[in-house]
Amino acid sequence: MKILVMEVGMIGTNCYIAVNEETNAGVVVDPGGDSDKILNVIKKHDIKIEAIFITHGHSDHIMGLDEVRKATGAKVYISKADEPMLKDADRNLSMFIGQNKTFAGADENFTDGQELVVAGIKFKILATPGHTPGGVCILADNVVFCGDTVFAESIGRTDLPGGSYEDIIKSIKEKILPLADNVQLLPGHGPATTVGWERRRNPFLQ
């Protein structure tokens, strides 16, 4: 699996593309804006996008969703708890940045512990509520796409509607920290990190 990353949108969201190097099929994770930029990368690398995975329903992770979906024909996946955020500008917070943006519903809903093979890549869904009620982290090989659950030496905000500090700490400790030290964490903002580093250095988890 090869992973392409680009920073998109108004506040620098990490959009990832997981690519099966044998087939050049792939999955877009969190198309948070700058859809032209995302689509240009897809075209440049001639990737067949089979799915769009949304870690959670905040606007900075979905602003490019409609355009990428239309251009690729890919199925959209999000948790059932966060799916209503797609259709509500207040809940997805786009209203707060003057966008008032809504989106069509998902094709599939993630469930906790679900294992699915898309683009020939095996993914496992880890429900990690706290930043939003339906936030998920997505494990593939030795990598976790962790949205805004955990960052390098930090955690996601819990002061937004539906957030819970207790829930996010519980999610990280129960779903992320049991993974091997060398598992890479690819967050929604900022640099990549590892489980081992966050176990030892993240001040919120001590």
Protein backbone atom coordinates (compact mmCIF):
# COMPACT_ATOMS: atom_id res chain seq x y z
CA MET A 1 0.00 0.00 0.00
CA LYS A 2 1.25 3.44 -0.98
CA ILE A 3 -0.11 6.53 0.73
CA LEU A 4 -0.31 9.94 -0.90
CA VAL A 5 -0.99 12.96 1.30
CA MET A 6 -1.93 16.53 0.51
CA GLU A 7 -2.91 19.48 2.68
CA VAL A 8 -6.27 20.89 1.63
CA GLY A 9 -8.91 23.38 2.67
CA MET A 10 -8.97 26.53 4.76
CA ILE A 11 -7.28 25.11 7.86
CA GLY A 12 -4.85 22.62 6.40
CA THR A 13 -6.61 19.26 6.58
CA ASN A 14 -4.64 16.18 5.60
CA CYS A 15 -6.34 14.35 2.75
CA TYR A 16 -4.91 10.88 2.14
CA ILE A 17 -5.14 8.48 -0.77
CA ALA A 18 -4.39 4.83 0.01
CA VAL A 19 -3.30 3.09 -3.19
CA ASN A 20 -2.98 -0.61 -3.94
CA GLU A 21 0.32 -0.63 -5.81
CA GLU A 22 -0.51 -3.87 -7.64
CA THR A 23 -3.79 -2.62 -9.17
CA ASN A 24 -3.53 1.18 -8.79
CA ALA A 25 -6.97 1.19 -7.21
CA GLY A 26 -7.38 3.46 -4.21
CA VAL A 27 -9.41 5.07 -1.46
CA VAL A 28 -9.61 8.78 -0.62
CA VAL A 29 -9.70 9.58 3.10
CA ASP A 30 -11.19 12.95 4.14
CA PRO A 31 -11.45 15.13 1.00
CA GLY A 32 -11.49 18.31 3.06
CA GLY A 33 -11.41 20.88 0.25
CA ASP A 34 -9.42 21.89 -2.82
CA SER A 35 -11.14 19.18 -4.85
CA ASP A 36 -9.22 20.20 -7.98
CA LYS A 37 -5.95 19.49 -6.17
CA ILE A 38 -7.18 16.06 -5.06
CA LEU A 39 -8.49 15.18 -8.51
CA ASN A 40 -5.26 16.31 -10.15
CA VAL A 41 -3.28 13.93 -7.93
CA ILE A 42 -5.69 11.12 -8.78
CA LYS A 43 -5.30 11.86 -12.50
CA LYS A 44 -1.52 12.28 -12.33
CA HIS A 45 -1.10 8.85 -10.71
CA ASP A 46 -3.92 7.28 -12.78
CA ILE A 47 -5.67 5.95 -9.66
CA LYS A 48 -9.06 4.24 -9.85
CA ILE A 49 -10.83 5.53 -6.73
CA GLU A 50 -13.24 2.93 -5.38
CA ALA A 51 -14.32 4.62 -2.13
CA ILE A 52 -14.22 7.81 -0.10
CA PHE A 53 -13.80 7.28 3.65
CA ILE A 54 -14.88 10.05 6.02
CA THR A 55 -13.39 9.86 9.53
CA HIS A 56 -15.94 12.32 10.90
CA GLY A 57 -18.49 14.83 9.68
CA HIS A 58 -16.86 18.22 10.23
CA SER A 59 -16.76 20.47 7.19
CA ASP A 60 -12.97 20.73 7.06
CA HIS A 61 -12.91 17.00 6.28
CA ILE A 62 -15.70 16.93 3.69
CA MET A 63 -15.69 20.22 1.75
CA GLY A 64 -14.37 18.51 -1.38
CA LEU A 65 -16.65 15.48 -1.05
CA ASP A 66 -19.26 16.30 -3.68
CA GLU A 67 -16.75 17.08 -6.41
CA VAL A 68 -14.53 14.06 -5.72
CA ARG A 69 -17.54 11.79 -5.50
CA LYS A 70 -18.96 13.07 -8.79
CA ALA A 71 -15.65 12.83 -10.64
CA THR A 72 -14.77 9.32 -9.44
CA GLY A 73 -18.16 7.66 -8.93
CA ALA A 74 -16.77 6.26 -5.66
CA LYS A 75 -18.94 5.06 -2.80
CA VAL A 76 -18.93 7.21 0.33
CA TYR A 77 -18.52 5.70 3.80
CA ILE A 78 -19.13 7.41 7.16
CA SER A 79 -20.42 6.25 10.54
CA LYS A 80 -24.17 6.23 11.10
CA ALA A 81 -23.79 8.63 14.03
CA ASP A 82 -21.99 11.24 11.93
CA GLU A 83 -23.92 10.81 8.67
CA PRO A 84 -26.57 13.44 9.65
CA MET A 85 -23.74 16.01 9.74
CA LEU A 86 -23.40 15.70 5.97
CA LYS A 87 -26.89 17.12 5.52
CA ASP A 88 -26.81 19.85 8.19
CA ALA A 89 -24.63 22.95 7.85
CA ASP A 90 -24.93 23.72 11.56
CA ARG A 91 -23.78 20.26 12.61
CA ASN A 92 -20.95 20.00 10.09
CA LEU A 93 -19.85 23.51 11.13
CA SER A 94 -19.67 24.90 7.58
CA MET A 95 -22.18 27.55 8.71
CA PHE A 96 -19.51 28.91 11.06
CA ILE A 97 -17.10 29.58 8.20
CA GLY A 98 -19.74 31.21 6.02
CA GLN A 99 -20.17 28.27 3.65
CA ASN A 100 -23.59 26.81 4.59
CA LYS A 101 -22.62 23.58 2.82
CA THR A 102 -24.60 20.34 2.81
CA PHE A 103 -23.86 17.05 1.10
CA ALA A 104 -25.68 13.95 -0.08
CA GLY A 105 -25.88 11.01 2.29
CA ALA A 106 -23.37 8.17 2.41
CA ASP A 107 -23.62 4.91 0.50
CA GLU A 108 -22.44 2.84 3.46
CA ASN A 109 -22.12 3.28 7.22
CA PHE A 110 -19.07 2.17 9.16
CA THR A 111 -19.56 -0.04 12.21
CA ASP A 112 -17.12 -0.59 15.06
CA GLY A 113 -14.79 -3.51 14.40
CA GLN A 114 -15.92 -3.81 10.80
CA GLU A 115 -13.39 -5.29 8.41
CA LEU A 116 -13.77 -4.49 4.74
CA VAL A 117 -11.68 -4.91 1.63
CA VAL A 118 -11.82 -1.97 -0.78
CA ALA A 119 -9.42 -1.46 -3.70
CA GLY A 120 -7.84 -4.74 -2.64
CA ILE A 121 -6.77 -3.21 0.69
CA LYS A 122 -8.03 -4.58 4.01
CA PHE A 123 -9.33 -1.93 6.39
CA LYS A 124 -10.55 -2.23 9.97
CA ILE A 125 -12.85 0.37 11.49
CA LEU A 126 -12.22 1.54 15.06
CA ALA A 127 -15.04 3.62 16.54
CA THR A 128 -13.40 6.50 18.40
CA PRO A 129 -16.07 8.93 19.63
CA GLY A 130 -15.02 12.07 21.44
CA HIS A 131 -14.21 14.68 18.81
CA THR A 132 -17.59 13.86 17.29
CA PRO A 133 -20.10 11.20 18.40
CA GLY A 134 -19.39 9.03 15.36
CA GLY A 135 -15.70 9.62 14.73
CA VAL A 136 -13.71 6.64 13.51
CA CYS A 137 -10.10 5.68 13.01
CA ILE A 138 -9.28 3.41 10.08
CA LEU A 139 -6.55 0.78 10.35
CA ALA A 140 -4.84 -0.55 7.22
CA ASP A 141 -1.65 -2.60 7.32
CA ASN A 142 0.60 -0.75 9.78
CA VAL A 143 -1.14 2.61 9.46
CA VAL A 144 -4.09 4.32 11.15
CA PHE A 145 -5.96 7.18 9.50
CA CYS A 146 -7.02 8.82 12.72
CA GLY A 147 -8.93 11.93 11.69
CA ASP A 148 -9.10 14.40 14.57
CA THR A 149 -8.98 11.80 17.33
CA VAL A 150 -5.27 11.98 18.08
CA PHE A 151 -2.49 14.26 16.83
CA ALA A 152 1.25 14.38 17.39
CA GLU A 153 1.45 15.00 21.15
CA SER A 154 -2.15 16.23 21.26
CA ILE A 155 -5.78 15.16 20.85
CA GLY A 156 -8.81 16.43 18.97
CA ARG A 157 -10.95 19.26 20.27
CA THR A 158 -13.85 18.27 22.48
CA ASP A 159 -15.44 21.70 22.97
CA LEU A 160 -17.48 21.55 19.76
CA PRO A 161 -21.08 20.25 19.64
CA GLY A 162 -21.17 16.53 20.37
CA GLY A 163 -17.62 16.47 21.73
CA SER A 164 -16.62 14.70 24.93
CA TYR A 165 -13.21 14.80 26.60
CA GLU A 166 -13.94 11.65 28.58
CA ASP A 167 -14.98 9.81 25.42
CA ILE A 168 -11.96 10.81 23.36
CA ILE A 169 -9.48 9.78 26.07
CA LYS A 170 -11.32 6.45 26.46
CA SER A 171 -11.31 5.96 22.68
CA ILE A 172 -7.58 6.56 22.36
CA LYS A 173 -6.67 4.40 25.34
CA GLU A 174 -8.92 1.51 24.29
CA LYS A 175 -8.56 1.56 20.49
CA ILE A 176 -5.23 3.20 19.63
CA LEU A 177 -2.77 2.57 22.46
CA PRO A 178 -3.18 -1.24 22.37
CA LEU A 179 -1.70 -1.23 18.86
CA ALA A 180 2.01 -1.91 18.33
CA ASP A 181 4.49 0.90 18.99
CA ASN A 182 5.55 1.09 15.34
CA VAL A 183 2.03 1.59 13.95
CA GLN A 184 1.94 4.92 12.12
CA LEU A 185 -0.75 7.44 13.01
CA LEU A 186 -1.82 9.71 10.16
CA PRO A 187 -3.88 12.53 11.69
CA GLY A 188 -6.31 14.96 10.14
CA HIS A 189 -3.95 17.87 10.77
CA GLY A 190 -0.22 18.18 11.31
CA PRO A 191 2.59 15.64 11.08
CA ALA A 192 2.43 11.86 11.26
CA THR A 193 3.39 10.13 14.48
CA THR A 194 3.42 6.62 15.94
CA VAL A 195 1.54 4.77 18.64
CA GLY A 196 4.71 4.34 20.68
CA TRP A 197 5.59 8.01 20.54
CA GLU A 198 2.12 9.06 21.66
CA ARG A 199 2.08 6.46 24.42
CA ARG A 200 5.27 7.96 25.84
CA ARG A 201 5.05 11.64 24.89
CA ASN A 202 1.42 12.70 24.56
CA PRO A 203 0.66 14.77 27.70
CA PHE A 204 -3.07 14.01 27.47
CA LEU A 205 -2.46 10.28 27.77
CA GLN A 206 -0.12 10.14 30.75
